[in-house]
C-alpha atoms as a PDB file:
ATOM      1  CA  MET A   1     -35.483  35.577  12.528  1.00  0.00           C
ATOM      2  CA  GLY A   2     -39.374  35.133  10.485  1.00  0.00           C
ATOM      3  CA  GLU A   3     -41.029  32.196   9.331  1.00  0.00           C
ATOM      4  CA  ASN A   4     -40.233  33.010   5.549  1.00  0.00           C
ATOM      5  CA  THR A   5     -36.849  33.290   6.052  1.00  0.00           C
ATOM      6  CA  THR A   6     -35.049  31.090   3.021  1.00  0.00           C
ATOM      7  CA  PRO A   7     -32.330  28.369   4.405  1.00  0.00           C
ATOM      8  CA  GLU A   8     -29.730  30.829   2.656  1.00  0.00           C
ATOM      9  CA  GLU A   9     -30.657  33.416   5.275  1.00  0.00           C
ATOM     10  CA  ARG A  10     -30.312  31.391   8.585  1.00  0.00           C
ATOM     11  CA  PRO A  11     -27.569  31.622  10.700  1.00  0.00           C
ATOM     12  CA  PRO A  12     -25.371  29.176  10.964  1.00  0.00           C
ATOM     13  CA  SER A  13     -26.149  26.569  13.479  1.00  0.00           C
ATOM     14  CA  GLY A  14     -23.774  25.511  16.102  1.00  0.00           C
ATOM     15  CA  HIS A  15     -22.870  22.536  14.435  1.00  0.00           C
ATOM     16  CA  ALA A  16     -18.884  22.410  13.378  1.00  0.00           C
ATOM     17  CA  LYS A  17     -18.458  22.237   9.736  1.00  0.00           C
ATOM     18  CA  VAL A  18     -15.339  19.978   8.313  1.00  0.00           C
ATOM     19  CA  PRO A  19     -13.461  22.393   6.403  1.00  0.00           C
ATOM     20  CA  ALA A  20     -13.215  21.563   2.714  1.00  0.00           C
ATOM     21  CA  ALA A  21      -9.664  20.294   2.505  1.00  0.00           C
ATOM     22  CA  VAL A  22     -10.098  17.457   4.880  1.00  0.00           C
ATOM     23  CA  VAL A  23     -11.997  15.020   3.019  1.00  0.00           C
ATOM     24  CA  PRO A  24     -10.078  14.810  -0.071  1.00  0.00           C
ATOM     25  CA  LEU A  25      -6.524  14.840   1.670  1.00  0.00           C
ATOM     26  CA  LEU A  26      -8.037  11.939   3.700  1.00  0.00           C
ATOM     27  CA  GLY A  27      -8.923  10.448   0.415  1.00  0.00           C
ATOM     28  CA  VAL A  28      -5.258  10.651  -0.639  1.00  0.00           C
ATOM     29  CA  ALA A  29      -3.626   9.963   2.584  1.00  0.00           C
ATOM     30  CA  ALA A  30      -5.402   6.525   2.333  1.00  0.00           C
ATOM     31  CA  VAL A  31      -4.557   5.638  -1.785  1.00  0.00           C
ATOM     32  CA  LEU A  32      -0.616   6.490  -0.473  1.00  0.00           C
ATOM     33  CA  VAL A  33      -0.459   4.659   2.528  1.00  0.00           C
ATOM     34  CA  GLY A  34      -2.850   1.773   0.709  1.00  0.00           C
ATOM     35  CA  CYS A  35      -0.213   2.211  -2.041  1.00  0.00           C
ATOM     36  CA  VAL A  36       2.946   1.681   0.860  1.00  0.00           C
ATOM     37  CA  ILE A  37       1.359  -0.887   2.294  1.00  0.00           C
ATOM     38  CA  ALA A  38       0.525  -3.015  -1.108  1.00  0.00           C
ATOM     39  CA  TYR A  39       4.327  -2.375  -2.057  1.00  0.00           C
ATOM     40  CA  LEU A  40       6.014  -3.416   1.146  1.00  0.00           C
ATOM     41  CA  ASN A  41       4.270  -6.817   1.443  1.00  0.00           C
ATOM     42  CA  ARG A  42       4.309  -7.852  -2.140  1.00  0.00           C
ATOM     43  CA  ASP A  43       5.340 -11.421  -2.263  1.00  0.00           C
ATOM     44  CA  PHE A  44       8.320 -12.929  -4.947  1.00  0.00           C
ATOM     45  CA  THR A  45       7.790 -16.379  -4.191  1.00  0.00           C
ATOM     46  CA  GLY A  46       8.390 -18.397  -7.239  1.00  0.00           C
ATOM     47  CA  TRP A  47       7.587 -21.813  -7.831  1.00  0.00           C
ATOM     48  CA  VAL A  48       7.291 -24.774 -10.567  1.00  0.00           C
ATOM     49  CA  ALA A  49       4.923 -27.785 -10.696  1.00  0.00           C
ATOM     50  CA  TYR A  50       6.362 -30.389 -13.321  1.00  0.00           C
ATOM     51  CA  ALA A  51       4.198 -33.838 -13.472  1.00  0.00           C
ATOM     52  CA  PRO A  52       4.579 -35.620 -16.925  1.00  0.00           C
ATOM     53  CA  LEU A  53       2.793 -38.458 -15.784  1.00  0.00           C
ATOM     54  CA  SER A  54      -0.100 -37.757 -14.366  1.00  0.00           C
ATOM     55  CA  ASN A  55      -2.212 -36.348 -17.181  1.00  0.00           C
ATOM     56  CA  GLN A  56      -4.079 -34.315 -14.835  1.00  0.00           C
ATOM     57  CA  PRO A  57      -4.143 -30.663 -14.791  1.00  0.00           C
ATOM     58  CA  PHE A  58      -2.571 -28.751 -11.912  1.00  0.00           C
ATOM     59  CA  SER A  59      -5.132 -27.104  -9.579  1.00  0.00           C
ATOM     60  CA  ALA A  60      -3.929 -25.247  -6.596  1.00  0.00           C
ATOM     61  CA  ASN A  61      -6.657 -25.378  -3.786  1.00  0.00           C
ATOM     62  CA  GLY A  62      -6.243 -22.244  -1.512  1.00  0.00           C
ATOM     63  CA  ALA A  63      -3.486 -20.798  -2.892  1.00  0.00           C
ATOM     64  CA  ALA A  64      -3.288 -16.877  -2.926  1.00  0.00           C
ATOM     65  CA  PHE A  65      -0.759 -14.963  -5.370  1.00  0.00           C
ATOM     66  CA  VAL A  66      -1.535 -11.858  -3.321  1.00  0.00           C
ATOM     67  CA  THR A  67      -0.457 -12.049   0.113  1.00  0.00           C
ATOM     68  CA  ARG A  68      -3.199 -10.847   2.620  1.00  0.00           C
ATOM     69  CA  GLY A  69      -0.987  -7.266   3.514  1.00  0.00           C
ATOM     70  CA  THR A  70      -1.183  -6.111  -0.219  1.00  0.00           C
ATOM     71  CA  GLN A  71      -4.990  -7.150  -0.302  1.00  0.00           C
ATOM     72  CA  ALA A  72      -5.351  -5.152   3.071  1.00  0.00           C
ATOM     73  CA  GLY A  73      -3.177  -2.634   0.912  1.00  0.00           C
ATOM     74  CA  LEU A  74      -5.996  -2.666  -2.196  1.00  0.00           C
ATOM     75  CA  ALA A  75      -8.844  -2.319  -0.183  1.00  0.00           C
ATOM     76  CA  MET A  76      -7.067   0.615   1.481  1.00  0.00           C
ATOM     77  CA  ILE A  77      -6.797   1.801  -1.965  1.00  0.00           C
ATOM     78  CA  ALA A  78     -10.216   1.399  -2.957  1.00  0.00           C
ATOM     79  CA  ALA A  79     -11.384   3.031   0.158  1.00  0.00           C
ATOM     80  CA  GLY A  80      -9.468   6.236  -1.079  1.00  0.00           C
ATOM     81  CA  LEU A  81     -10.521   6.098  -3.836  1.00  0.00           C
ATOM     82  CA  LEU A  82     -14.367   5.663  -2.979  1.00  0.00           C
ATOM     83  CA  LEU A  83     -13.953   8.557  -0.655  1.00  0.00           C
ATOM     84  CA  LEU A  84     -12.529  11.108  -3.233  1.00  0.00           C
ATOM     85  CA  ALA A  85     -15.189   9.552  -5.918  1.00  0.00           C
ATOM     86  CA  PHE A  86     -17.924  10.816  -3.407  1.00  0.00           C
ATOM     87  CA  TRP A  87     -16.220  14.131  -2.234  1.00  0.00           C
ATOM     88  CA  VAL A  88     -16.127  14.778  -6.614  1.00  0.00           C
ATOM     89  CA  GLY A  89     -19.893  13.931  -6.291  1.00  0.00           C
ATOM     90  CA  TYR A  90     -20.989  15.918  -3.724  1.00  0.00           C
ATOM     91  CA  ARG A  91     -19.020  18.976  -4.381  1.00  0.00           C
ATOM     92  CA  LEU A  92     -20.132  18.798  -8.572  1.00  0.00           C
ATOM     93  CA  GLY A  93     -24.137  18.358  -6.861  1.00  0.00           C
ATOM     94  CA  ARG A  94     -23.618  21.559  -4.137  1.00  0.00           C
ATOM     95  CA  ARG A  95     -22.621  23.443  -7.096  1.00  0.00           C
ATOM     96  CA  ALA A  96     -25.623  22.648  -9.371  1.00  0.00           C
ATOM     97  CA  LYS A  97     -27.812  25.108  -9.893  1.00  0.00           C
ATOM     98  CA  PRO A  98     -31.454  24.614  -8.433  1.00  0.00           C
ATOM     99  CA  GLY A  99     -33.567  24.900 -11.438  1.00  0.00           C
ATOM    100  CA  LEU A 100     -31.418  21.961 -12.982  1.00  0.00           C
ATOM    101  CA  ARG A 101     -33.218  18.956 -10.469  1.00  0.00           C
END
């Protein structure tokens, strides 16, 4: 192999490449698992606060209307969507012609 070879002409190195379908499948799986987690951990607890004589607005300090399980599911959905967005950007960037940079 000479010094005048371009990267396209070089033989592949010994590094294992990730198959093209693994990253988007991981992203879709993360989104689906996150949806299931968020759905199963939803909270239907309802309450009514009535204070007719206090003349003070109700302030629920520290009250969470979204459970921690739902928050974890939503975080997993966000991570899966970020992974899919990264993959799409990477694939579009690899497809761009070198003269357009």
